[in-house]
Structures are given as C-alpha cells and as structure tokens.
Amino acid sequence: MQEVDGRLFSGGLDQDSDPTIVSLDDYIDAQDIYNGYGENVGTITFGKGTTALNYAMPAGTNICVGTCEAKQNASAIFFFYNSNGNHQIIQYNSVN
C-alpha cells in the first residue's frame, strides 16, 4: 500500500545531494506526481493516468506526429497526419 506523508513541499526534487543531507522541504525520488498543481500550491498530487477518448478519426491511416501543452486553458493539442490528406489538429481539455 502507498505511504502517505502529510508534509508540504516548498522545495523540489533533489537527486544530486546525499540522501542524509536532503532538506526536509525536498524529496529524492518521485514518480507520476505534480508539485503544486493548480490551486494546491505546496502539495503533491498524483497524475490522473490515461483516459480513452471516443473520437471519430477520418478514413485512412492516422498518426500522431506531435503534441504540446496549452497551459493557459489546461489542454493538450495533438497533431495528426492522415494518409488521405485529412490532417488534423485536435485540442483536448480534460475539464470541459
């Protein structure tokens, strides 16, 4: 079972220092977390994982050739190549 630690983290990831001298505000290892994500400044929150999306893609072979994050509206933008020339740019917002 996962261990929960109630400390607030005002520092960050420190993999360079000897573990015996790492500040109490820092941590030496982390996986799939956000430090201070959204309104929870100073707290560690876990990633949401993957979500299957039902989206009808155009006929042909569709290949995702790039992605980027749009922080201003908390969304992801996907760039798709289509073998029939129906290329697409799709924006996904997990909130709306």
PDB file of N, CA and C in Angstrom:
ATOM      1  N   MET A   1       0.839  -1.181   0.000  1.00  0.00           N
ATOM      2  CA  MET A   1       0.000   0.000   0.000  1.00  0.00           C
ATOM      3  C   MET A   1       0.879   1.238   0.000  1.00  0.00           C
ATOM      4  N   GLN A   2       0.398   2.263  -0.654  1.00  0.00           N
ATOM      5  CA  GLN A   2       1.154   3.508  -0.779  1.00  0.00           C
ATOM      6  C   GLN A   2       1.197   4.257   0.549  1.00  0.00           C
ATOM      7  N   GLU A   3       2.380   4.749   0.886  1.00  0.00           N
ATOM      8  CA  GLU A   3       2.552   5.525   2.117  1.00  0.00           C
ATOM      9  C   GLU A   3       2.229   6.988   1.836  1.00  0.00           C
ATOM     10  N   VAL A   4       1.438   7.601   2.717  1.00  0.00           N
ATOM     11  CA  VAL A   4       1.057   8.998   2.559  1.00  0.00           C
ATOM     12  C   VAL A   4       1.790   9.819   3.606  1.00  0.00           C
ATOM     13  N   ASP A   5       2.418  10.893   3.150  1.00  0.00           N
ATOM     14  CA  ASP A   5       3.169  11.783   4.029  1.00  0.00           C
ATOM     15  C   ASP A   5       2.472  13.128   4.006  1.00  0.00           C
ATOM     16  N   GLY A   6       2.088  13.673   5.158  1.00  0.00           N
ATOM     17  CA  GLY A   6       1.310  14.897   5.229  1.00  0.00           C
ATOM     18  C   GLY A   6       2.104  16.183   5.152  1.00  0.00           C
ATOM     19  N   ARG A   7       3.399  16.136   4.793  1.00  0.00           N
ATOM     20  CA  ARG A   7       4.219  17.351   4.727  1.00  0.00           C
ATOM     21  C   ARG A   7       3.867  18.189   3.504  1.00  0.00           C
ATOM     22  N   LEU A   8       4.068  19.494   3.629  1.00  0.00           N
ATOM     23  CA  LEU A   8       4.004  20.389   2.478  1.00  0.00           C
ATOM     24  C   LEU A   8       5.397  20.485   1.882  1.00  0.00           C
ATOM     25  N   PHE A   9       5.489  20.511   0.567  1.00  0.00           N
ATOM     26  CA  PHE A   9       6.772  20.571  -0.115  1.00  0.00           C
ATOM     27  C   PHE A   9       6.920  21.933  -0.762  1.00  0.00           C
ATOM     28  N   SER A  10       7.806  22.748  -0.218  1.00  0.00           N
ATOM     29  CA  SER A  10       8.077  24.044  -0.828  1.00  0.00           C
ATOM     30  C   SER A  10       9.334  23.981  -1.673  1.00  0.00           C
ATOM     31  N   GLY A  11      10.044  22.865  -1.597  1.00  0.00           N
ATOM     32  CA  GLY A  11      11.277  22.686  -2.360  1.00  0.00           C
ATOM     33  C   GLY A  11      11.010  21.958  -3.652  1.00  0.00           C
ATOM     34  N   GLY A  12      11.878  21.033  -3.983  1.00  0.00           N
ATOM     35  CA  GLY A  12      11.735  20.298  -5.231  1.00  0.00           C
ATOM     36  C   GLY A  12      12.511  19.004  -5.190  1.00  0.00           C
ATOM     37  N   LEU A  13      12.627  18.386  -6.322  1.00  0.00           N
ATOM     38  CA  LEU A  13      13.333  17.123  -6.464  1.00  0.00           C
ATOM     39  C   LEU A  13      14.841  17.358  -6.349  1.00  0.00           C
ATOM     40  N   ASP A  14      15.504  16.618  -5.473  1.00  0.00           N
ATOM     41  CA  ASP A  14      16.951  16.741  -5.265  1.00  0.00           C
ATOM     42  C   ASP A  14      17.572  15.358  -5.381  1.00  0.00           C
ATOM     43  N   GLN A  15      18.078  15.031  -6.564  1.00  0.00           N
ATOM     44  CA  GLN A  15      18.728  13.742  -6.776  1.00  0.00           C
ATOM     45  C   GLN A  15      20.247  13.858  -6.756  1.00  0.00           C
ATOM     46  N   ASP A  16      20.748  15.078  -6.509  1.00  0.00           N
ATOM     47  CA  ASP A  16      22.191  15.292  -6.517  1.00  0.00           C
ATOM     48  C   ASP A  16      22.833  15.144  -5.145  1.00  0.00           C
ATOM     49  N   SER A  17      22.125  15.545  -4.098  1.00  0.00           N
ATOM     50  CA  SER A  17      22.694  15.525  -2.746  1.00  0.00           C
ATOM     51  C   SER A  17      22.635  14.125  -2.152  1.00  0.00           C
ATOM     52  N   ASP A  18      23.485  13.908  -1.183  1.00  0.00           N
ATOM     53  CA  ASP A  18      23.430  12.668  -0.417  1.00  0.00           C
ATOM     54  C   ASP A  18      22.081  12.625   0.300  1.00  0.00           C
ATOM     55  N   PRO A  19      21.365  11.499   0.282  1.00  0.00           N
ATOM     56  CA  PRO A  19      20.042  11.423   0.918  1.00  0.00           C
ATOM     57  C   PRO A  19      20.017  11.815   2.391  1.00  0.00           C
ATOM     58  N   THR A  20      21.151  11.689   3.081  1.00  0.00           N
ATOM     59  CA  THR A  20      21.174  12.039   4.501  1.00  0.00           C
ATOM     60  C   THR A  20      21.183  13.540   4.749  1.00  0.00           C
ATOM     61  N   ILE A  21      21.459  14.341   3.706  1.00  0.00           N
ATOM     62  CA  ILE A  21      21.506  15.793   3.903  1.00  0.00           C
ATOM     63  C   ILE A  21      20.464  16.554   3.082  1.00  0.00           C
ATOM     64  N   VAL A  22      19.521  15.836   2.470  1.00  0.00           N
ATOM     65  CA  VAL A  22      18.474  16.499   1.689  1.00  0.00           C
ATOM     66  C   VAL A  22      17.560  17.258   2.640  1.00  0.00           C
ATOM     67  N   SER A  23      17.233  18.483   2.285  1.00  0.00           N
ATOM     68  CA  SER A  23      16.358  19.333   3.095  1.00  0.00           C
ATOM     69  C   SER A  23      14.994  18.675   3.286  1.00  0.00           C
ATOM     70  N   LEU A  24      14.342  18.951   4.406  1.00  0.00           N
ATOM     71  CA  LEU A  24      13.007  18.404   4.661  1.00  0.00           C
ATOM     72  C   LEU A  24      11.970  18.916   3.665  1.00  0.00           C
ATOM     73  N   ASP A  25      12.253  20.036   3.005  1.00  0.00           N
ATOM     74  CA  ASP A  25      11.329  20.574   2.001  1.00  0.00           C
ATOM     75  C   ASP A  25      11.509  19.928   0.632  1.00  0.00           C
ATOM     76  N   ASP A  26      12.572  19.143   0.451  1.00  0.00           N
ATOM     77  CA  ASP A  26      12.860  18.496  -0.823  1.00  0.00           C
ATOM     78  C   ASP A  26      12.579  17.000  -0.740  1.00  0.00           C
ATOM     79  N   TYR A  27      12.635  16.353  -1.879  1.00  0.00           N
ATOM     80  CA  TYR A  27      12.457  14.902  -1.935  1.00  0.00           C
ATOM     81  C   TYR A  27      13.474  14.337  -2.918  1.00  0.00           C
ATOM     82  N   ILE A  28      13.804  13.045  -2.761  1.00  0.00           N
ATOM     83  CA  ILE A  28      14.873  12.458  -3.567  1.00  0.00           C
ATOM     84  C   ILE A  28      14.359  11.591  -4.712  1.00  0.00           C
ATOM     85  N   ASP A  29      13.083  11.265  -4.715  1.00  0.00           N
ATOM     86  CA  ASP A  29      12.536  10.425  -5.772  1.00  0.00           C
ATOM     87  C   ASP A  29      11.045  10.718  -5.906  1.00  0.00           C
ATOM     88  N   ALA A  30      10.550  10.691  -7.124  1.00  0.00           N
ATOM     89  CA  ALA A  30       9.128  10.928  -7.363  1.00  0.00           C
ATOM     90  C   ALA A  30       8.739  10.294  -8.691  1.00  0.00           C
ATOM     91  N   GLN A  31       7.520   9.826  -8.757  1.00  0.00           N
ATOM     92  CA  GLN A  31       7.032   9.228  -9.982  1.00  0.00           C
ATOM     93  C   GLN A  31       5.560   9.582 -10.164  1.00  0.00           C
ATOM     94  N   ASP A  32       5.212  10.111 -11.328  1.00  0.00           N
ATOM     95  CA  ASP A  32       3.831  10.444 -11.684  1.00  0.00           C
ATOM     96  C   ASP A  32       3.173  11.402 -10.702  1.00  0.00           C
ATOM     97  N   ILE A  33       3.862  12.490 -10.363  1.00  0.00           N
ATOM     98  CA  ILE A  33       3.283  13.470  -9.449  1.00  0.00           C
ATOM     99  C   ILE A  33       3.403  14.867 -10.031  1.00  0.00           C
ATOM    100  N   TYR A  34       2.601  15.766  -9.503  1.00  0.00           N
ATOM    101  CA  TYR A  34       2.698  17.194  -9.795  1.00  0.00           C
ATOM    102  C   TYR A  34       2.963  17.903  -8.481  1.00  0.00           C
ATOM    103  N   ASN A  35       3.934  18.774  -8.466  1.00  0.00           N
ATOM    104  CA  ASN A  35       4.252  19.530  -7.261  1.00  0.00           C
ATOM    105  C   ASN A  35       3.618  20.904  -7.392  1.00  0.00           C
ATOM    106  N   GLY A  36       2.589  21.165  -6.580  1.00  0.00           N
ATOM    107  CA  GLY A  36       1.928  22.459  -6.608  1.00  0.00           C
ATOM    108  C   GLY A  36       1.015  22.632  -7.794  1.00  0.00           C
ATOM    109  N   TYR A  37       0.348  21.599  -8.220  1.00  0.00           N
ATOM    110  CA  TYR A  37      -0.518  21.634  -9.390  1.00  0.00           C
ATOM    111  C   TYR A  37      -1.815  22.388  -9.079  1.00  0.00           C
ATOM    112  N   GLY A  38      -2.195  23.313  -9.939  1.00  0.00           N
ATOM    113  CA  GLY A  38      -3.459  24.043  -9.795  1.00  0.00           C
ATOM    114  C   GLY A  38      -3.499  24.897  -8.553  1.00  0.00           C
ATOM    115  N   GLU A  39      -4.541  24.757  -7.772  1.00  0.00           N
ATOM    116  CA  GLU A  39      -4.741  25.547  -6.558  1.00  0.00           C
ATOM    117  C   GLU A  39      -4.000  24.965  -5.362  1.00  0.00           C
ATOM    118  N   ASN A  40      -3.405  23.818  -5.508  1.00  0.00           N
ATOM    119  CA  ASN A  40      -2.778  23.112  -4.386  1.00  0.00           C
ATOM    120  C   ASN A  40      -1.288  23.401  -4.287  1.00  0.00           C
ATOM    121  N   VAL A  41      -0.924  24.674  -4.206  1.00  0.00           N
ATOM    122  CA  VAL A  41       0.487  25.048  -4.149  1.00  0.00           C
ATOM    123  C   VAL A  41       1.113  24.465  -2.885  1.00  0.00           C
ATOM    124  N   GLY A  42       2.253  23.813  -3.048  1.00  0.00           N
ATOM    125  CA  GLY A  42       2.956  23.214  -1.918  1.00  0.00           C
ATOM    126  C   GLY A  42       2.523  21.803  -1.601  1.00  0.00           C
ATOM    127  N   THR A  43       1.616  21.246  -2.371  1.00  0.00           N
ATOM    128  CA  THR A  43       1.177  19.872  -2.135  1.00  0.00           C
ATOM    129  C   THR A  43       1.525  19.002  -3.333  1.00  0.00           C
ATOM    130  N   ILE A  44       1.664  17.723  -3.073  1.00  0.00           N
ATOM    131  CA  ILE A  44       1.927  16.747  -4.121  1.00  0.00           C
ATOM    132  C   ILE A  44       0.600  16.126  -4.521  1.00  0.00           C
ATOM    133  N   THR A  45       0.287  16.149  -5.813  1.00  0.00           N
ATOM    134  CA  THR A  45      -0.910  15.471  -6.311  1.00  0.00           C
ATOM    135  C   THR A  45      -0.473  14.460  -7.356  1.00  0.00           C
ATOM    136  N   PHE A  46      -1.222  13.400  -7.478  1.00  0.00           N
ATOM    137  CA  PHE A  46      -0.877  12.332  -8.402  1.00  0.00           C
ATOM    138  C   PHE A  46      -1.510  12.579  -9.762  1.00  0.00           C
ATOM    139  N   GLY A  47      -0.836  12.132 -10.813  1.00  0.00           N
ATOM    140  CA  GLY A  47      -1.362  12.255 -12.163  1.00  0.00           C
ATOM    141  C   GLY A  47      -2.640  11.466 -12.327  1.00  0.00           C
ATOM    142  N   LYS A  48      -3.454  11.876 -13.263  1.00  0.00           N
ATOM    143  CA  LYS A  48      -4.749  11.225 -13.483  1.00  0.00           C
ATOM    144  C   LYS A  48      -4.637   9.942 -14.292  1.00  0.00           C
ATOM    145  N   GLY A  49      -3.486   9.696 -14.888  1.00  0.00           N
ATOM    146  CA  GLY A  49      -3.342   8.495 -15.699  1.00  0.00           C
ATOM    147  C   GLY A  49      -3.829   8.728 -17.115  1.00  0.00           C
ATOM    148  N   THR A  50      -4.123   7.658 -17.815  1.00  0.00           N
ATOM    149  CA  THR A  50      -4.573   7.781 -19.191  1.00  0.00           C
ATOM    150  C   THR A  50      -6.093   7.686 -19.265  1.00  0.00           C
ATOM    151  N   THR A  51      -6.650   8.348 -20.242  1.00  0.00           N
ATOM    152  CA  THR A  51      -8.090   8.349 -20.446  1.00  0.00           C
ATOM    153  C   THR A  51      -8.360   8.013 -21.902  1.00  0.00           C
ATOM    154  N   ALA A  52      -9.210   7.012 -22.135  1.00  0.00           N
ATOM    155  CA  ALA A  52      -9.589   6.665 -23.508  1.00  0.00           C
ATOM    156  C   ALA A  52     -10.593   7.693 -24.011  1.00  0.00           C
ATOM    157  N   LEU A  53     -10.365   8.178 -25.223  1.00  0.00           N
ATOM    158  CA  LEU A  53     -11.256   9.161 -25.827  1.00  0.00           C
ATOM    159  C   LEU A  53     -11.953   8.542 -27.022  1.00  0.00           C
ATOM    160  N   ASN A  54     -13.247   8.786 -27.134  1.00  0.00           N
ATOM    161  CA  ASN A  54     -14.012   8.325 -28.290  1.00  0.00           C
ATOM    162  C   ASN A  54     -14.103   9.472 -29.279  1.00  0.00           C
ATOM    163  N   TYR A  55     -13.269   9.420 -30.301  1.00  0.00           N
ATOM    164  CA  TYR A  55     -13.232  10.471 -31.303  1.00  0.00           C
ATOM    165  C   TYR A  55     -13.124   9.805 -32.667  1.00  0.00           C
ATOM    166  N   ALA A  56     -14.026  10.128 -33.562  1.00  0.00           N
ATOM    167  CA  ALA A  56     -14.025   9.529 -34.895  1.00  0.00           C
ATOM    168  C   ALA A  56     -12.949  10.191 -35.748  1.00  0.00           C
ATOM    169  N   MET A  57     -11.954   9.425 -36.095  1.00  0.00           N
ATOM    170  CA  MET A  57     -10.874   9.916 -36.947  1.00  0.00           C
ATOM    171  C   MET A  57     -11.271   9.703 -38.407  1.00  0.00           C
ATOM    172  N   PRO A  58     -10.743  10.504 -39.322  1.00  0.00           N
ATOM    173  CA  PRO A  58     -11.081  10.339 -40.738  1.00  0.00           C
ATOM    174  C   PRO A  58     -10.526   9.029 -41.294  1.00  0.00           C
ATOM    175  N   ALA A  59     -11.099   8.574 -42.413  1.00  0.00           N
ATOM    176  CA  ALA A  59     -10.647   7.349 -43.057  1.00  0.00           C
ATOM    177  C   ALA A  59      -9.175   7.485 -43.448  1.00  0.00           C
ATOM    178  N   GLY A  60      -8.484   6.372 -43.422  1.00  0.00           N
ATOM    179  CA  GLY A  60      -7.062   6.349 -43.749  1.00  0.00           C
ATOM    180  C   GLY A  60      -6.253   6.026 -42.514  1.00  0.00           C
ATOM    181  N   THR A  61      -4.948   6.062 -42.652  1.00  0.00           N
ATOM    182  CA  THR A  61      -4.048   5.824 -41.526  1.00  0.00           C
ATOM    183  C   THR A  61      -3.769   7.156 -40.845  1.00  0.00           C
ATOM    184  N   ASN A  62      -4.056   7.203 -39.543  1.00  0.00           N
ATOM    185  CA  ASN A  62      -3.850   8.419 -38.753  1.00  0.00           C
ATOM    186  C   ASN A  62      -2.684   8.206 -37.805  1.00  0.00           C
ATOM    187  N   ILE A  63      -1.716   9.119 -37.840  1.00  0.00           N
ATOM    188  CA  ILE A  63      -0.524   9.014 -36.996  1.00  0.00           C
ATOM    189  C   ILE A  63      -0.348  10.331 -36.252  1.00  0.00           C
ATOM    190  N   CYS A  64      -0.237  10.248 -34.928  1.00  0.00           N
ATOM    191  CA  CYS A  64       0.037  11.439 -34.124  1.00  0.00           C
ATOM    192  C   CYS A  64       1.506  11.790 -34.329  1.00  0.00           C
ATOM    193  N   VAL A  65       1.749  12.983 -34.872  1.00  0.00           N
ATOM    194  CA  VAL A  65       3.125  13.392 -35.178  1.00  0.00           C
ATOM    195  C   VAL A  65       3.661  14.425 -34.194  1.00  0.00           C
ATOM    196  N   GLY A  66       2.817  14.856 -33.244  1.00  0.00           N
ATOM    197  CA  GLY A  66       3.289  15.817 -32.263  1.00  0.00           C
ATOM    198  C   GLY A  66       2.209  16.192 -31.273  1.00  0.00           C
ATOM    199  N   THR A  67       2.637  16.672 -30.134  1.00  0.00           N
ATOM    200  CA  THR A  67       1.725  17.157 -29.096  1.00  0.00           C
ATOM    201  C   THR A  67       2.356  18.381 -28.441  1.00  0.00           C
ATOM    202  N   CYS A  68       1.519  19.193 -27.827  1.00  0.00           N
ATOM    203  CA  CYS A  68       2.019  20.281 -26.997  1.00  0.00           C
ATOM    204  C   CYS A  68       0.963  20.617 -25.946  1.00  0.00           C
ATOM    205  N   GLU A  69       1.405  21.290 -24.913  1.00  0.00           N
ATOM    206  CA  GLU A  69       0.528  21.659 -23.805  1.00  0.00           C
ATOM    207  C   GLU A  69       0.145  23.128 -23.942  1.00  0.00           C
ATOM    208  N   ALA A  70      -1.147  23.415 -23.756  1.00  0.00           N
ATOM    209  CA  ALA A  70      -1.622  24.797 -23.721  1.00  0.00           C
ATOM    210  C   ALA A  70      -1.966  25.107 -22.269  1.00  0.00           C
ATOM    211  N   LYS A  71      -0.985  25.641 -21.528  1.00  0.00           N
ATOM    212  CA  LYS A  71      -1.157  25.854 -20.093  1.00  0.00           C
ATOM    213  C   LYS A  71      -2.244  26.868 -19.774  1.00  0.00           C
ATOM    214  N   GLN A  72      -2.446  27.866 -20.633  1.00  0.00           N
ATOM    215  CA  GLN A  72      -3.408  28.923 -20.341  1.00  0.00           C
ATOM    216  C   GLN A  72      -4.837  28.400 -20.215  1.00  0.00           C
ATOM    217  N   ASN A  73      -5.164  27.282 -20.861  1.00  0.00           N
ATOM    218  CA  ASN A  73      -6.508  26.716 -20.703  1.00  0.00           C
ATOM    219  C   ASN A  73      -6.462  25.235 -20.340  1.00  0.00           C
ATOM    220  N   ALA A  74      -5.361  24.778 -19.786  1.00  0.00           N
ATOM    221  CA  ALA A  74      -5.198  23.416 -19.270  1.00  0.00           C
ATOM    222  C   ALA A  74      -5.624  22.367 -20.286  1.00  0.00           C
ATOM    223  N   SER A  75      -5.094  22.465 -21.478  1.00  0.00           N
ATOM    224  CA  SER A  75      -5.466  21.497 -22.506  1.00  0.00           C
ATOM    225  C   SER A  75      -4.216  20.973 -23.220  1.00  0.00           C
ATOM    226  N   ALA A  76      -4.431  19.930 -23.996  1.00  0.00           N
ATOM    227  CA  ALA A  76      -3.369  19.340 -24.801  1.00  0.00           C
ATOM    228  C   ALA A  76      -3.768  19.462 -26.268  1.00  0.00           C
ATOM    229  N   ILE A  77      -2.789  19.697 -27.126  1.00  0.00           N
ATOM    230  CA  ILE A  77      -3.034  19.825 -28.551  1.00  0.00           C
ATOM    231  C   ILE A  77      -2.291  18.698 -29.266  1.00  0.00           C
ATOM    232  N   PHE A  78      -3.011  17.966 -30.111  1.00  0.00           N
ATOM    233  CA  PHE A  78      -2.467  16.828 -30.837  1.00  0.00           C
ATOM    234  C   PHE A  78      -2.455  17.137 -32.327  1.00  0.00           C
ATOM    235  N   PHE A  79      -1.360  16.776 -33.007  1.00  0.00           N
ATOM    236  CA  PHE A  79      -1.213  16.992 -34.439  1.00  0.00           C
ATOM    237  C   PHE A  79      -1.205  15.625 -35.129  1.00  0.00           C
ATOM    238  N   PHE A  80      -2.171  15.404 -36.022  1.00  0.00           N
ATOM    239  CA  PHE A  80      -2.312  14.108 -36.683  1.00  0.00           C
ATOM    240  C   PHE A  80      -2.053  14.220 -38.182  1.00  0.00           C
ATOM    241  N   TYR A  81      -1.235  13.294 -38.681  1.00  0.00           N
ATOM    242  CA  TYR A  81      -1.031  13.108 -40.114  1.00  0.00           C
ATOM    243  C   TYR A  81      -2.031  12.056 -40.575  1.00  0.00           C
ATOM    244  N   ASN A  82      -2.652  12.277 -41.738  1.00  0.00           N
ATOM    245  CA  ASN A  82      -3.595  11.321 -42.300  1.00  0.00           C
ATOM    246  C   ASN A  82      -3.131  10.954 -43.709  1.00  0.00           C
ATOM    247  N   SER A  83      -3.112   9.650 -44.000  1.00  0.00           N
ATOM    248  CA  SER A  83      -2.623   9.177 -45.298  1.00  0.00           C
ATOM    249  C   SER A  83      -3.475   9.655 -46.470  1.00  0.00           C
ATOM    250  N   ASN A  84      -4.727  10.064 -46.229  1.00  0.00           N
ATOM    251  CA  ASN A  84      -5.599  10.574 -47.291  1.00  0.00           C
ATOM    252  C   ASN A  84      -5.555  12.100 -47.380  1.00  0.00           C
ATOM    253  N   GLY A  85      -4.671  12.737 -46.625  1.00  0.00           N
ATOM    254  CA  GLY A  85      -4.551  14.188 -46.675  1.00  0.00           C
ATOM    255  C   GLY A  85      -5.484  14.933 -45.734  1.00  0.00           C
ATOM    256  N   ASN A  86      -6.245  14.212 -44.919  1.00  0.00           N
ATOM    257  CA  ASN A  86      -7.161  14.838 -43.956  1.00  0.00           C
ATOM    258  C   ASN A  86      -6.454  15.039 -42.613  1.00  0.00           C
ATOM    259  N   HIS A  87      -5.387  15.815 -42.621  1.00  0.00           N
ATOM    260  CA  HIS A  87      -4.604  16.057 -41.415  1.00  0.00           C
ATOM    261  C   HIS A  87      -5.447  16.841 -40.409  1.00  0.00           C
ATOM    262  N   GLN A  88      -5.179  16.659 -39.121  1.00  0.00           N
ATOM    263  CA  GLN A  88      -5.978  17.320 -38.096  1.00  0.00           C
ATOM    264  C   GLN A  88      -5.116  17.855 -36.963  1.00  0.00           C
ATOM    265  N   ILE A  89      -5.612  18.931 -36.358  1.00  0.00           N
ATOM    266  CA  ILE A  89      -5.087  19.447 -35.102  1.00  0.00           C
ATOM    267  C   ILE A  89      -6.251  19.399 -34.131  1.00  0.00           C
ATOM    268  N   ILE A  90      -6.095  18.639 -33.060  1.00  0.00           N
ATOM    269  CA  ILE A  90      -7.181  18.420 -32.102  1.00  0.00           C
ATOM    270  C   ILE A  90      -6.750  18.942 -30.745  1.00  0.00           C
ATOM    271  N   GLN A  91      -7.624  19.737 -30.122  1.00  0.00           N
ATOM    272  CA  GLN A  91      -7.359  20.249 -28.777  1.00  0.00           C
ATOM    273  C   GLN A  91      -8.254  19.510 -27.798  1.00  0.00           C
ATOM    274  N   TYR A  92      -7.647  18.973 -26.732  1.00  0.00           N
ATOM    275  CA  TYR A  92      -8.384  18.231 -25.705  1.00  0.00           C
ATOM    276  C   TYR A  92      -8.244  18.951 -24.392  1.00  0.00           C
ATOM    277  N   ASN A  93      -9.379  19.226 -23.747  1.00  0.00           N
ATOM    278  CA  ASN A  93      -9.417  19.863 -22.439  1.00  0.00           C
ATOM    279  C   ASN A  93     -10.103  18.894 -21.485  1.00  0.00           C
ATOM    280  N   SER A  94      -9.396  18.427 -20.464  1.00  0.00           N
ATOM    281  CA  SER A  94      -9.952  17.423 -19.549  1.00  0.00           C
ATOM    282  C   SER A  94     -10.988  17.995 -18.597  1.00  0.00           C
ATOM    283  N   VAL A  95     -11.047  19.324 -18.476  1.00  0.00           N
ATOM    284  CA  VAL A  95     -12.019  19.966 -17.571  1.00  0.00           C
ATOM    285  C   VAL A  95     -13.380  20.069 -18.234  1.00  0.00           C
ATOM    286  N   ASN A  96     -13.417  20.483 -19.492  1.00  0.00           N
ATOM    287  CA  ASN A  96     -14.685  20.692 -20.207  1.00  0.00           C
ATOM    288  C   ASN A  96     -14.942  19.576 -21.188  1.00  0.00           C
TER     289      ASN A  96
END
